[in-house]
Amino acid sequence: MNNQLQPKDLTERKWGAAIHASAFAGMLFPLALALGPLFVWMLKKHESAYLEAQGKKAINFQLTILVAAFFFLLLAAVIKPIISLVVVTVLGGLVFAIMAAIMVFKEGDFDYPFSLKIIK
């Protein structure tokens, strides 16, 4: 992370963590896995480059999780045991969202291990 994208203060760290943690809306409505971070990002992206970058990271990762889960769901229509991969994929997305929220709050940044670059 370059110096210009470091959080300026505790408030930016809190909002950065909130962007990642908002993926938990996906527990109520599956598409909210990506819509939660998208909503918070849309509210805060104009306040700083740091929040804009964190939002892009969170949204790209959660969209990657949704694409993978949808693919496994389609595959499960043919091969029934694959349905467990859908559950594991979504739970993995939530675990990484927790990790990202904690790391962003404590250290200022988190890089997801894999993510499609949908929003650049």
PDB file of N, CA and C in Angstrom:
ATOM      1  N   MET A   1       0.857  -1.175   0.000  1.00  0.00           N
ATOM      2  CA  MET A   1       0.000   0.000   0.000  1.00  0.00           C
ATOM      3  C   MET A   1       0.895   1.227   0.000  1.00  0.00           C
ATOM      4  N   ASN A   2       0.711   2.109  -0.954  1.00  0.00           N
ATOM      5  CA  ASN A   2       1.560   3.289  -0.976  1.00  0.00           C
ATOM      6  C   ASN A   2       1.097   4.327   0.031  1.00  0.00           C
ATOM      7  N   ASN A   3       1.961   5.270   0.316  1.00  0.00           N
ATOM      8  CA  ASN A   3       1.734   6.229   1.400  1.00  0.00           C
ATOM      9  C   ASN A   3       0.475   7.062   1.223  1.00  0.00           C
ATOM     10  N   GLN A   4       0.096   7.372   0.003  1.00  0.00           N
ATOM     11  CA  GLN A   4      -1.090   8.199  -0.192  1.00  0.00           C
ATOM     12  C   GLN A   4      -2.367   7.464   0.191  1.00  0.00           C
ATOM     13  N   LEU A   5      -2.319   6.142   0.284  1.00  0.00           N
ATOM     14  CA  LEU A   5      -3.515   5.393   0.612  1.00  0.00           C
ATOM     15  C   LEU A   5      -3.518   4.889   2.051  1.00  0.00           C
ATOM     16  N   GLN A   6      -2.749   5.497   2.902  1.00  0.00           N
ATOM     17  CA  GLN A   6      -2.785   5.176   4.327  1.00  0.00           C
ATOM     18  C   GLN A   6      -3.954   5.933   4.957  1.00  0.00           C
ATOM     19  N   PRO A   7      -4.604   5.322   5.943  1.00  0.00           N
ATOM     20  CA  PRO A   7      -5.701   6.042   6.614  1.00  0.00           C
ATOM     21  C   PRO A   7      -5.151   7.254   7.364  1.00  0.00           C
ATOM     22  N   LYS A   8      -5.868   8.352   7.267  1.00  0.00           N
ATOM     23  CA  LYS A   8      -5.426   9.585   7.914  1.00  0.00           C
ATOM     24  C   LYS A   8      -5.684   9.578   9.411  1.00  0.00           C
ATOM     25  N   ASP A   9      -6.759   8.923   9.810  1.00  0.00           N
ATOM     26  CA  ASP A   9      -7.127   8.940  11.222  1.00  0.00           C
ATOM     27  C   ASP A   9      -7.949   7.704  11.574  1.00  0.00           C
ATOM     28  N   LEU A  10      -8.360   7.634  12.814  1.00  0.00           N
ATOM     29  CA  LEU A  10      -9.133   6.496  13.296  1.00  0.00           C
ATOM     30  C   LEU A  10     -10.489   6.396  12.590  1.00  0.00           C
ATOM     31  N   THR A  11     -11.071   7.509  12.243  1.00  0.00           N
ATOM     32  CA  THR A  11     -12.366   7.504  11.562  1.00  0.00           C
ATOM     33  C   THR A  11     -12.267   6.795  10.217  1.00  0.00           C
ATOM     34  N   GLU A  12     -11.196   7.059   9.476  1.00  0.00           N
ATOM     35  CA  GLU A  12     -11.018   6.377   8.192  1.00  0.00           C
ATOM     36  C   GLU A  12     -10.818   4.881   8.394  1.00  0.00           C
ATOM     37  N   ARG A  13     -10.099   4.507   9.437  1.00  0.00           N
ATOM     38  CA  ARG A  13      -9.919   3.079   9.726  1.00  0.00           C
ATOM     39  C   ARG A  13     -11.266   2.429  10.044  1.00  0.00           C
ATOM     40  N   LYS A  14     -12.083   3.116  10.822  1.00  0.00           N
ATOM     41  CA  LYS A  14     -13.402   2.571  11.169  1.00  0.00           C
ATOM     42  C   LYS A  14     -14.274   2.391   9.931  1.00  0.00           C
ATOM     43  N   TRP A  15     -14.291   3.393   9.051  1.00  0.00           N
ATOM     44  CA  TRP A  15     -15.103   3.283   7.847  1.00  0.00           C
ATOM     45  C   TRP A  15     -14.530   2.226   6.905  1.00  0.00           C
ATOM     46  N   GLY A  16     -13.222   2.124   6.834  1.00  0.00           N
ATOM     47  CA  GLY A  16     -12.603   1.071   6.024  1.00  0.00           C
ATOM     48  C   GLY A  16     -13.000  -0.306   6.523  1.00  0.00           C
ATOM     49  N   ALA A  17     -12.986  -0.489   7.834  1.00  0.00           N
ATOM     50  CA  ALA A  17     -13.405  -1.765   8.421  1.00  0.00           C
ATOM     51  C   ALA A  17     -14.901  -2.001   8.181  1.00  0.00           C
ATOM     52  N   ALA A  18     -15.691  -0.948   8.244  1.00  0.00           N
ATOM     53  CA  ALA A  18     -17.140  -1.075   8.026  1.00  0.00           C
ATOM     54  C   ALA A  18     -17.443  -1.513   6.597  1.00  0.00           C
ATOM     55  N   ILE A  19     -16.655  -1.044   5.650  1.00  0.00           N
ATOM     56  CA  ILE A  19     -16.863  -1.453   4.257  1.00  0.00           C
ATOM     57  C   ILE A  19     -16.715  -2.967   4.138  1.00  0.00           C
ATOM     58  N   HIS A  20     -15.655  -3.506   4.743  1.00  0.00           N
ATOM     59  CA  HIS A  20     -15.419  -4.950   4.665  1.00  0.00           C
ATOM     60  C   HIS A  20     -16.456  -5.729   5.489  1.00  0.00           C
ATOM     61  N   ALA A  21     -16.774  -5.242   6.674  1.00  0.00           N
ATOM     62  CA  ALA A  21     -17.706  -5.947   7.565  1.00  0.00           C
ATOM     63  C   ALA A  21     -19.141  -5.919   7.044  1.00  0.00           C
ATOM     64  N   SER A  22     -19.465  -4.962   6.182  1.00  0.00           N
ATOM     65  CA  SER A  22     -20.834  -4.876   5.674  1.00  0.00           C
ATOM     66  C   SER A  22     -21.209  -6.060   4.784  1.00  0.00           C
ATOM     67  N   ALA A  23     -20.254  -6.893   4.449  1.00  0.00           N
ATOM     68  CA  ALA A  23     -20.555  -8.116   3.691  1.00  0.00           C
ATOM     69  C   ALA A  23     -21.457  -9.044   4.497  1.00  0.00           C
ATOM     70  N   PHE A  24     -21.531  -8.849   5.808  1.00  0.00           N
ATOM     71  CA  PHE A  24     -22.386  -9.689   6.641  1.00  0.00           C
ATOM     72  C   PHE A  24     -23.863  -9.491   6.361  1.00  0.00           C
ATOM     73  N   ALA A  25     -24.204  -8.465   5.606  1.00  0.00           N
ATOM     74  CA  ALA A  25     -25.594  -8.326   5.160  1.00  0.00           C
ATOM     75  C   ALA A  25     -25.972  -9.520   4.290  1.00  0.00           C
ATOM     76  N   GLY A  26     -24.973 -10.196   3.746  1.00  0.00           N
ATOM     77  CA  GLY A  26     -25.198 -11.378   2.931  1.00  0.00           C
ATOM     78  C   GLY A  26     -25.775 -12.547   3.702  1.00  0.00           C
ATOM     79  N   MET A  27     -25.733 -12.492   5.015  1.00  0.00           N
ATOM     80  CA  MET A  27     -26.339 -13.559   5.810  1.00  0.00           C
ATOM     81  C   MET A  27     -27.865 -13.445   5.779  1.00  0.00           C
ATOM     82  N   LEU A  28     -28.372 -12.250   5.502  1.00  0.00           N
ATOM     83  CA  LEU A  28     -29.818 -12.044   5.412  1.00  0.00           C
ATOM     84  C   LEU A  28     -30.321 -12.226   3.986  1.00  0.00           C
ATOM     85  N   PHE A  29     -29.544 -11.758   3.044  1.00  0.00           N
ATOM     86  CA  PHE A  29     -29.907 -11.791   1.634  1.00  0.00           C
ATOM     87  C   PHE A  29     -28.630 -12.053   0.841  1.00  0.00           C
ATOM     88  N   PRO A  30     -28.514 -13.176   0.147  1.00  0.00           N
ATOM     89  CA  PRO A  30     -27.244 -13.568  -0.471  1.00  0.00           C
ATOM     90  C   PRO A  30     -26.580 -12.511  -1.355  1.00  0.00           C
ATOM     91  N   LEU A  31     -27.328 -11.782  -2.154  1.00  0.00           N
ATOM     92  CA  LEU A  31     -26.705 -10.770  -3.007  1.00  0.00           C
ATOM     93  C   LEU A  31     -26.136  -9.611  -2.206  1.00  0.00           C
ATOM     94  N   ALA A  32     -26.585  -9.460  -0.968  1.00  0.00           N
ATOM     95  CA  ALA A  32     -26.082  -8.390  -0.113  1.00  0.00           C
ATOM     96  C   ALA A  32     -24.634  -8.637   0.298  1.00  0.00           C
ATOM     97  N   LEU A  33     -24.117  -9.811  -0.001  1.00  0.00           N
ATOM     98  CA  LEU A  33     -22.704 -10.090   0.234  1.00  0.00           C
ATOM     99  C   LEU A  33     -21.859  -9.024  -0.463  1.00  0.00           C
ATOM    100  N   ALA A  34     -22.261  -8.635  -1.657  1.00  0.00           N
ATOM    101  CA  ALA A  34     -21.566  -7.579  -2.392  1.00  0.00           C
ATOM    102  C   ALA A  34     -22.291  -6.235  -2.275  1.00  0.00           C
ATOM    103  N   LEU A  35     -23.598  -6.255  -2.054  1.00  0.00           N
ATOM    104  CA  LEU A  35     -24.352  -5.003  -1.975  1.00  0.00           C
ATOM    105  C   LEU A  35     -24.054  -4.216  -0.700  1.00  0.00           C
ATOM    106  N   GLY A  36     -23.738  -4.919   0.393  1.00  0.00           N
ATOM    107  CA  GLY A  36     -23.375  -4.238   1.638  1.00  0.00           C
ATOM    108  C   GLY A  36     -22.140  -3.368   1.452  1.00  0.00           C
ATOM    109  N   PRO A  37     -21.016  -3.961   1.000  1.00  0.00           N
ATOM    110  CA  PRO A  37     -19.830  -3.139   0.743  1.00  0.00           C
ATOM    111  C   PRO A  37     -20.068  -2.067  -0.319  1.00  0.00           C
ATOM    112  N   LEU A  38     -20.871  -2.390  -1.331  1.00  0.00           N
ATOM    113  CA  LEU A  38     -21.161  -1.408  -2.386  1.00  0.00           C
ATOM    114  C   LEU A  38     -21.877  -0.191  -1.814  1.00  0.00           C
ATOM    115  N   PHE A  39     -22.847  -0.424  -0.944  1.00  0.00           N
ATOM    116  CA  PHE A  39     -23.607   0.677  -0.347  1.00  0.00           C
ATOM    117  C   PHE A  39     -22.709   1.587   0.490  1.00  0.00           C
ATOM    118  N   VAL A  40     -21.892   0.995   1.366  1.00  0.00           N
ATOM    119  CA  VAL A  40     -21.009   1.807   2.225  1.00  0.00           C
ATOM    120  C   VAL A  40     -19.963   2.518   1.370  1.00  0.00           C
ATOM    121  N   TRP A  41     -19.440   1.836   0.365  1.00  0.00           N
ATOM    122  CA  TRP A  41     -18.446   2.439  -0.527  1.00  0.00           C
ATOM    123  C   TRP A  41     -19.037   3.634  -1.269  1.00  0.00           C
ATOM    124  N   MET A  42     -20.284   3.486  -1.754  1.00  0.00           N
ATOM    125  CA  MET A  42     -20.922   4.597  -2.471  1.00  0.00           C
ATOM    126  C   MET A  42     -21.101   5.816  -1.570  1.00  0.00           C
ATOM    127  N   LEU A  43     -21.352   5.579  -0.288  1.00  0.00           N
ATOM    128  CA  LEU A  43     -21.504   6.690   0.649  1.00  0.00           C
ATOM    129  C   LEU A  43     -20.187   7.392   0.961  1.00  0.00           C
ATOM    130  N   LYS A  44     -19.083   6.641   1.009  1.00  0.00           N
ATOM    131  CA  LYS A  44     -17.824   7.174   1.524  1.00  0.00           C
ATOM    132  C   LYS A  44     -16.700   7.336   0.518  1.00  0.00           C
ATOM    133  N   LYS A  45     -16.870   6.871  -0.718  1.00  0.00           N
ATOM    134  CA  LYS A  45     -15.759   6.863  -1.665  1.00  0.00           C
ATOM    135  C   LYS A  45     -15.245   8.262  -2.015  1.00  0.00           C
ATOM    136  N   HIS A  46     -16.072   9.255  -1.897  1.00  0.00           N
ATOM    137  CA  HIS A  46     -15.660  10.614  -2.247  1.00  0.00           C
ATOM    138  C   HIS A  46     -14.917  11.320  -1.113  1.00  0.00           C
ATOM    139  N   GLU A  47     -14.877  10.699   0.055  1.00  0.00           N
ATOM    140  CA  GLU A  47     -14.223  11.334   1.193  1.00  0.00           C
ATOM    141  C   GLU A  47     -12.711  11.152   1.200  1.00  0.00           C
ATOM    142  N   SER A  48     -12.229  10.037   0.654  1.00  0.00           N
ATOM    143  CA  SER A  48     -10.783   9.834   0.603  1.00  0.00           C
ATOM    144  C   SER A  48     -10.429   8.732  -0.385  1.00  0.00           C
ATOM    145  N   ALA A  49      -9.210   8.806  -0.893  1.00  0.00           N
ATOM    146  CA  ALA A  49      -8.713   7.774  -1.809  1.00  0.00           C
ATOM    147  C   ALA A  49      -8.560   6.449  -1.067  1.00  0.00           C
ATOM    148  N   TYR A  50      -8.267   6.519   0.216  1.00  0.00           N
ATOM    149  CA  TYR A  50      -8.112   5.306   1.032  1.00  0.00           C
ATOM    150  C   TYR A  50      -9.427   4.530   1.093  1.00  0.00           C
ATOM    151  N   LEU A  51     -10.525   5.218   1.388  1.00  0.00           N
ATOM    152  CA  LEU A  51     -11.825   4.550   1.461  1.00  0.00           C
ATOM    153  C   LEU A  51     -12.268   4.046   0.089  1.00  0.00           C
ATOM    154  N   GLU A  52     -11.934   4.780  -0.960  1.00  0.00           N
ATOM    155  CA  GLU A  52     -12.263   4.324  -2.300  1.00  0.00           C
ATOM    156  C   GLU A  52     -11.524   3.017  -2.615  1.00  0.00           C
ATOM    157  N   ALA A  53     -10.246   2.944  -2.264  1.00  0.00           N
ATOM    158  CA  ALA A  53      -9.451   1.730  -2.518  1.00  0.00           C
ATOM    159  C   ALA A  53      -9.962   0.547  -1.697  1.00  0.00           C
ATOM    160  N   GLN A  54     -10.298   0.774  -0.431  1.00  0.00           N
ATOM    161  CA  GLN A  54     -10.810  -0.313   0.409  1.00  0.00           C
ATOM    162  C   GLN A  54     -12.148  -0.824  -0.117  1.00  0.00           C
ATOM    163  N   GLY A  55     -12.985   0.087  -0.581  1.00  0.00           N
ATOM    164  CA  GLY A  55     -14.272  -0.303  -1.135  1.00  0.00           C
ATOM    165  C   GLY A  55     -14.119  -1.163  -2.378  1.00  0.00           C
ATOM    166  N   LYS A  56     -13.211  -0.777  -3.255  1.00  0.00           N
ATOM    167  CA  LYS A  56     -12.979  -1.561  -4.467  1.00  0.00           C
ATOM    168  C   LYS A  56     -12.491  -2.957  -4.125  1.00  0.00           C
ATOM    169  N   LYS A  57     -11.580  -3.052  -3.151  1.00  0.00           N
ATOM    170  CA  LYS A  57     -11.077  -4.363  -2.739  1.00  0.00           C
ATOM    171  C   LYS A  57     -12.208  -5.244  -2.216  1.00  0.00           C
ATOM    172  N   ALA A  58     -13.031  -4.687  -1.329  1.00  0.00           N
ATOM    173  CA  ALA A  58     -14.119  -5.458  -0.719  1.00  0.00           C
ATOM    174  C   ALA A  58     -15.151  -5.889  -1.759  1.00  0.00           C
ATOM    175  N   ILE A  59     -15.552  -4.974  -2.624  1.00  0.00           N
ATOM    176  CA  ILE A  59     -16.566  -5.284  -3.632  1.00  0.00           C
ATOM    177  C   ILE A  59     -16.045  -6.321  -4.623  1.00  0.00           C
ATOM    178  N   ASN A  60     -14.818  -6.143  -5.097  1.00  0.00           N
ATOM    179  CA  ASN A  60     -14.250  -7.105  -6.042  1.00  0.00           C
ATOM    180  C   ASN A  60     -14.172  -8.503  -5.437  1.00  0.00           C
ATOM    181  N   PHE A  61     -13.763  -8.598  -4.181  1.00  0.00           N
ATOM    182  CA  PHE A  61     -13.665  -9.913  -3.554  1.00  0.00           C
ATOM    183  C   PHE A  61     -15.046 -10.539  -3.382  1.00  0.00           C
ATOM    184  N   GLN A  62     -15.996  -9.781  -2.888  1.00  0.00           N
ATOM    185  CA  GLN A  62     -17.327 -10.342  -2.655  1.00  0.00           C
ATOM    186  C   GLN A  62     -18.027 -10.693  -3.969  1.00  0.00           C
ATOM    187  N   LEU A  63     -17.788  -9.932  -5.027  1.00  0.00           N
ATOM    188  CA  LEU A  63     -18.330 -10.307  -6.333  1.00  0.00           C
ATOM    189  C   LEU A  63     -17.685 -11.604  -6.831  1.00  0.00           C
ATOM    190  N   THR A  64     -16.389 -11.767  -6.561  1.00  0.00           N
ATOM    191  CA  THR A  64     -15.701 -13.012  -6.906  1.00  0.00           C
ATOM    192  C   THR A  64     -16.345 -14.186  -6.184  1.00  0.00           C
ATOM    193  N   ILE A  65     -16.649 -14.001  -4.907  1.00  0.00           N
ATOM    194  CA  ILE A  65     -17.299 -15.053  -4.118  1.00  0.00           C
ATOM    195  C   ILE A  65     -18.676 -15.377  -4.697  1.00  0.00           C
ATOM    196  N   LEU A  66     -19.436 -14.354  -5.068  1.00  0.00           N
ATOM    197  CA  LEU A  66     -20.764 -14.583  -5.642  1.00  0.00           C
ATOM    198  C   LEU A  66     -20.688 -15.326  -6.976  1.00  0.00           C
ATOM    199  N   VAL A  67     -19.729 -14.965  -7.816  1.00  0.00           N
ATOM    200  CA  VAL A  67     -19.566 -15.646  -9.099  1.00  0.00           C
ATOM    201  C   VAL A  67     -19.212 -17.115  -8.871  1.00  0.00           C
ATOM    202  N   ALA A  68     -18.276 -17.380  -7.959  1.00  0.00           N
ATOM    203  CA  ALA A  68     -17.887 -18.764  -7.665  1.00  0.00           C
ATOM    204  C   ALA A  68     -19.063 -19.555  -7.087  1.00  0.00           C
ATOM    205  N   ALA A  69     -19.800 -18.953  -6.165  1.00  0.00           N
ATOM    206  CA  ALA A  69     -20.945 -19.635  -5.558  1.00  0.00           C
ATOM    207  C   ALA A  69     -22.013 -19.940  -6.607  1.00  0.00           C
ATOM    208  N   PHE A  70     -22.259 -18.995  -7.502  1.00  0.00           N
ATOM    209  CA  PHE A  70     -23.250 -19.209  -8.564  1.00  0.00           C
ATOM    210  C   PHE A  70     -22.804 -20.338  -9.486  1.00  0.00           C
ATOM    211  N   PHE A  71     -21.512 -20.355  -9.842  1.00  0.00           N
ATOM    212  CA  PHE A  71     -20.971 -21.423 -10.678  1.00  0.00           C
ATOM    213  C   PHE A  71     -21.158 -22.790 -10.003  1.00  0.00           C
ATOM    214  N   PHE A  72     -20.817 -22.860  -8.708  1.00  0.00           N
ATOM    215  CA  PHE A  72     -20.981 -24.123  -7.984  1.00  0.00           C
ATOM    216  C   PHE A  72     -22.451 -24.514  -7.859  1.00  0.00           C
ATOM    217  N   LEU A  73     -23.318 -23.523  -7.727  1.00  0.00           N
ATOM    218  CA  LEU A  73     -24.753 -23.802  -7.643  1.00  0.00           C
ATOM    219  C   LEU A  73     -25.271 -24.404  -8.952  1.00  0.00           C
ATOM    220  N   LEU A  74     -24.822 -23.861 -10.074  1.00  0.00           N
ATOM    221  CA  LEU A  74     -25.201 -24.423 -11.373  1.00  0.00           C
ATOM    222  C   LEU A  74     -24.648 -25.836 -11.539  1.00  0.00           C
ATOM    223  N   LEU A  75     -23.426 -26.034 -11.114  1.00  0.00           N
ATOM    224  CA  LEU A  75     -22.806 -27.347 -11.199  1.00  0.00           C
ATOM    225  C   LEU A  75     -23.507 -28.343 -10.279  1.00  0.00           C
ATOM    226  N   ALA A  76     -24.020 -27.859  -9.160  1.00  0.00           N
ATOM    227  CA  ALA A  76     -24.720 -28.723  -8.203  1.00  0.00           C
ATOM    228  C   ALA A  76     -26.031 -29.241  -8.763  1.00  0.00           C
ATOM    229  N   ALA A  77     -26.584 -28.573  -9.766  1.00  0.00           N
ATOM    230  CA  ALA A  77     -27.803 -29.068 -10.397  1.00  0.00           C
ATOM    231  C   ALA A  77     -27.550 -30.408 -11.088  1.00  0.00           C
ATOM    232  N   VAL A  78     -26.297 -30.619 -11.490  1.00  0.00           N
ATOM    233  CA  VAL A  78     -25.923 -31.863 -12.150  1.00  0.00           C
ATOM    234  C   VAL A  78     -25.279 -32.846 -11.171  1.00  0.00           C
ATOM    235  N   ILE A  79     -24.403 -32.309 -10.319  1.00  0.00           N
ATOM    236  CA  ILE A  79     -23.667 -33.155  -9.364  1.00  0.00           C
ATOM    237  C   ILE A  79     -24.048 -32.685  -7.959  1.00  0.00           C
ATOM    238  N   LYS A  80     -24.955 -33.369  -7.318  1.00  0.00           N
ATOM    239  CA  LYS A  80     -25.547 -32.936  -6.041  1.00  0.00           C
ATOM    240  C   LYS A  80     -24.536 -32.645  -4.923  1.00  0.00           C
ATOM    241  N   PRO A  81     -23.485 -33.443  -4.715  1.00  0.00           N
ATOM    242  CA  PRO A  81     -22.569 -33.150  -3.598  1.00  0.00           C
ATOM    243  C   PRO A  81     -21.830 -31.809  -3.723  1.00  0.00           C
ATOM    244  N   ILE A  82     -21.848 -31.220  -4.911  1.00  0.00           N
ATOM    245  CA  ILE A  82     -21.172 -29.944  -5.127  1.00  0.00           C
ATOM    246  C   ILE A  82     -21.850 -28.820  -4.337  1.00  0.00           C
ATOM    247  N   ILE A  83     -23.080 -29.023  -3.911  1.00  0.00           N
ATOM    248  CA  ILE A  83     -23.798 -27.987  -3.160  1.00  0.00           C
ATOM    249  C   ILE A  83     -23.027 -27.570  -1.917  1.00  0.00           C
ATOM    250  N   SER A  84     -22.253 -28.494  -1.361  1.00  0.00           N
ATOM    251  CA  SER A  84     -21.451 -28.148  -0.186  1.00  0.00           C
ATOM    252  C   SER A  84     -20.394 -27.103  -0.525  1.00  0.00           C
ATOM    253  N   LEU A  85     -19.923 -27.068  -1.774  1.00  0.00           N
ATOM    254  CA  LEU A  85     -18.953 -26.050  -2.173  1.00  0.00           C
ATOM    255  C   LEU A  85     -19.571 -24.652  -2.175  1.00  0.00           C
ATOM    256  N   VAL A  86     -20.863 -24.569  -2.434  1.00  0.00           N
ATOM    257  CA  VAL A  86     -21.547 -23.274  -2.379  1.00  0.00           C
ATOM    258  C   VAL A  86     -21.485 -22.735  -0.957  1.00  0.00           C
ATOM    259  N   VAL A  87     -21.809 -23.590  -0.006  1.00  0.00           N
ATOM    260  CA  VAL A  87     -21.806 -23.190   1.407  1.00  0.00           C
ATOM    261  C   VAL A  87     -20.400 -22.808   1.852  1.00  0.00           C
ATOM    262  N   VAL A  88     -19.425 -23.621   1.501  1.00  0.00           N
ATOM    263  CA  VAL A  88     -18.037 -23.354   1.889  1.00  0.00           C
ATOM    264  C   VAL A  88     -17.538 -22.050   1.258  1.00  0.00           C
ATOM    265  N   THR A  89     -17.904 -21.807   0.014  1.00  0.00           N
ATOM    266  CA  THR A  89     -17.483 -20.583  -0.674  1.00  0.00           C
ATOM    267  C   THR A  89     -18.042 -19.340   0.016  1.00  0.00           C
ATOM    268  N   VAL A  90     -19.329 -19.356   0.321  1.00  0.00           N
ATOM    269  CA  VAL A  90     -19.958 -18.196   0.969  1.00  0.00           C
ATOM    270  C   VAL A  90     -19.409 -18.001   2.380  1.00  0.00           C
ATOM    271  N   LEU A  91     -19.262 -19.084   3.133  1.00  0.00           N
ATOM    272  CA  LEU A  91     -18.690 -18.968   4.478  1.00  0.00           C
ATOM    273  C   LEU A  91     -17.252 -18.473   4.417  1.00  0.00           C
ATOM    274  N   GLY A  92     -16.500 -18.936   3.435  1.00  0.00           N
ATOM    275  CA  GLY A  92     -15.127 -18.442   3.257  1.00  0.00           C
ATOM    276  C   GLY A  92     -15.108 -16.953   2.973  1.00  0.00           C
ATOM    277  N   GLY A  93     -16.043 -16.484   2.160  1.00  0.00           N
ATOM    278  CA  GLY A  93     -16.143 -15.048   1.887  1.00  0.00           C
ATOM    279  C   GLY A  93     -16.416 -14.253   3.143  1.00  0.00           C
ATOM    280  N   LEU A  94     -17.257 -14.791   4.019  1.00  0.00           N
ATOM    281  CA  LEU A  94     -17.559 -14.100   5.279  1.00  0.00           C
ATOM    282  C   LEU A  94     -16.365 -14.124   6.234  1.00  0.00           C
ATOM    283  N   VAL A  95     -15.641 -15.238   6.257  1.00  0.00           N
ATOM    284  CA  VAL A  95     -14.442 -15.326   7.114  1.00  0.00           C
ATOM    285  C   VAL A  95     -13.395 -14.311   6.657  1.00  0.00           C
ATOM    286  N   PHE A  96     -13.184 -14.224   5.343  1.00  0.00           N
ATOM    287  CA  PHE A  96     -12.224 -13.242   4.844  1.00  0.00           C
ATOM    288  C   PHE A  96     -12.703 -11.813   5.093  1.00  0.00           C
ATOM    289  N   ALA A  97     -14.011 -11.584   5.083  1.00  0.00           N
ATOM    290  CA  ALA A  97     -14.540 -10.254   5.398  1.00  0.00           C
ATOM    291  C   ALA A  97     -14.231  -9.884   6.847  1.00  0.00           C
ATOM    292  N   ILE A  98     -14.347 -10.852   7.763  1.00  0.00           N
ATOM    293  CA  ILE A  98     -13.991 -10.610   9.167  1.00  0.00           C
ATOM    294  C   ILE A  98     -12.513 -10.276   9.281  1.00  0.00           C
ATOM    295  N   MET A  99     -11.689 -11.098   8.635  1.00  0.00           N
ATOM    296  CA  MET A  99     -10.243 -10.871   8.682  1.00  0.00           C
ATOM    297  C   MET A  99      -9.890  -9.490   8.123  1.00  0.00           C
ATOM    298  N   ALA A 100     -10.512  -9.131   6.997  1.00  0.00           N
ATOM    299  CA  ALA A 100     -10.231  -7.833   6.379  1.00  0.00           C
ATOM    300  C   ALA A 100     -10.646  -6.684   7.285  1.00  0.00           C
ATOM    301  N   ALA A 101     -11.820  -6.785   7.890  1.00  0.00           N
ATOM    302  CA  ALA A 101     -12.294  -5.716   8.771  1.00  0.00           C
ATOM    303  C   ALA A 101     -11.344  -5.527   9.957  1.00  0.00           C
ATOM    304  N   ILE A 102     -10.905  -6.623  10.547  1.00  0.00           N
ATOM    305  CA  ILE A 102      -9.994  -6.536  11.699  1.00  0.00           C
ATOM    306  C   ILE A 102      -8.645  -5.956  11.283  1.00  0.00           C
ATOM    307  N   MET A 103      -8.092  -6.452  10.176  1.00  0.00           N
ATOM    308  CA  MET A 103      -6.778  -5.975   9.728  1.00  0.00           C
ATOM    309  C   MET A 103      -6.822  -4.507   9.294  1.00  0.00           C
ATOM    310  N   VAL A 104      -7.880  -4.107   8.622  1.00  0.00           N
ATOM    311  CA  VAL A 104      -7.998  -2.703   8.207  1.00  0.00           C
ATOM    312  C   VAL A 104      -8.107  -1.809   9.431  1.00  0.00           C
ATOM    313  N   PHE A 105      -8.862  -2.240  10.414  1.00  0.00           N
ATOM    314  CA  PHE A 105      -8.999  -1.428  11.627  1.00  0.00           C
ATOM    315  C   PHE A 105      -7.678  -1.339  12.388  1.00  0.00           C
ATOM    316  N   LYS A 106      -6.970  -2.460  12.503  1.00  0.00           N
ATOM    317  CA  LYS A 106      -5.723  -2.475  13.280  1.00  0.00           C
ATOM    318  C   LYS A 106      -4.526  -1.928  12.514  1.00  0.00           C
ATOM    319  N   GLU A 107      -4.351  -2.366  11.265  1.00  0.00           N
ATOM    320  CA  GLU A 107      -3.127  -2.051  10.530  1.00  0.00           C
ATOM    321  C   GLU A 107      -3.337  -1.128   9.333  1.00  0.00           C
ATOM    322  N   GLY A 108      -4.567  -0.937   8.912  1.00  0.00           N
ATOM    323  CA  GLY A 108      -4.834  -0.010   7.829  1.00  0.00           C
ATOM    324  C   GLY A 108      -5.024  -0.634   6.461  1.00  0.00           C
ATOM    325  N   ASP A 109      -4.688  -1.923   6.290  1.00  0.00           N
ATOM    326  CA  ASP A 109      -4.855  -2.524   4.972  1.00  0.00           C
ATOM    327  C   ASP A 109      -4.988  -4.036   5.072  1.00  0.00           C
ATOM    328  N   PHE A 110      -5.582  -4.615   4.028  1.00  0.00           N
ATOM    329  CA  PHE A 110      -5.704  -6.063   3.904  1.00  0.00           C
ATOM    330  C   PHE A 110      -5.809  -6.387   2.433  1.00  0.00           C
ATOM    331  N   ASP A 111      -5.049  -7.366   1.990  1.00  0.00           N
ATOM    332  CA  ASP A 111      -5.132  -7.827   0.608  1.00  0.00           C
ATOM    333  C   ASP A 111      -5.763  -9.207   0.599  1.00  0.00           C
ATOM    334  N   TYR A 112      -6.876  -9.331  -0.112  1.00  0.00           N
ATOM    335  CA  TYR A 112      -7.534 -10.622  -0.235  1.00  0.00           C
ATOM    336  C   TYR A 112      -6.627 -11.555  -1.039  1.00  0.00           C
ATOM    337  N   PRO A 113      -6.656 -12.868  -0.739  1.00  0.00           N
ATOM    338  CA  PRO A 113      -5.743 -13.788  -1.427  1.00  0.00           C
ATOM    339  C   PRO A 113      -6.058 -13.974  -2.899  1.00  0.00           C
ATOM    340  N   PHE A 114      -7.288 -13.763  -3.318  1.00  0.00           N
ATOM    341  CA  PHE A 114      -7.679 -13.885  -4.724  1.00  0.00           C
ATOM    342  C   PHE A 114      -8.897 -13.018  -4.926  1.00  0.00           C
ATOM    343  N   SER A 115      -8.964 -12.420  -6.103  1.00  0.00           N
ATOM    344  CA  SER A 115     -10.100 -11.552  -6.387  1.00  0.00           C
ATOM    345  C   SER A 115     -10.071 -11.145  -7.859  1.00  0.00           C
ATOM    346  N   LEU A 116     -11.206 -11.191  -8.487  1.00  0.00           N
ATOM    347  CA  LEU A 116     -11.325 -10.667  -9.842  1.00  0.00           C
ATOM    348  C   LEU A 116     -11.315  -9.145  -9.757  1.00  0.00           C
ATOM    349  N   LYS A 117     -10.710  -8.493 -10.717  1.00  0.00           N
ATOM    350  CA  LYS A 117     -10.671  -7.026 -10.742  1.00  0.00           C
ATOM    351  C   LYS A 117     -11.847  -6.521 -11.582  1.00  0.00           C
ATOM    352  N   ILE A 118     -13.029  -6.558 -11.011  1.00  0.00           N
ATOM    353  CA  ILE A 118     -14.238  -6.150 -11.723  1.00  0.00           C
ATOM    354  C   ILE A 118     -14.364  -4.617 -11.707  1.00  0.00           C
ATOM    355  N   ILE A 119     -14.152  -4.027 -10.537  1.00  0.00           N
ATOM    356  CA  ILE A 119     -14.159  -2.566 -10.403  1.00  0.00           C
ATOM    357  C   ILE A 119     -12.713  -2.118 -10.318  1.00  0.00           C
ATOM    358  N   LYS A 120     -12.311  -1.263 -11.230  1.00  0.00           N
ATOM    359  CA  LYS A 120     -10.895  -0.853 -11.279  1.00  0.00           C
ATOM    360  C   LYS A 120     -10.696   0.532 -10.758  1.00  0.00           C
TER     361      LYS A 120
END
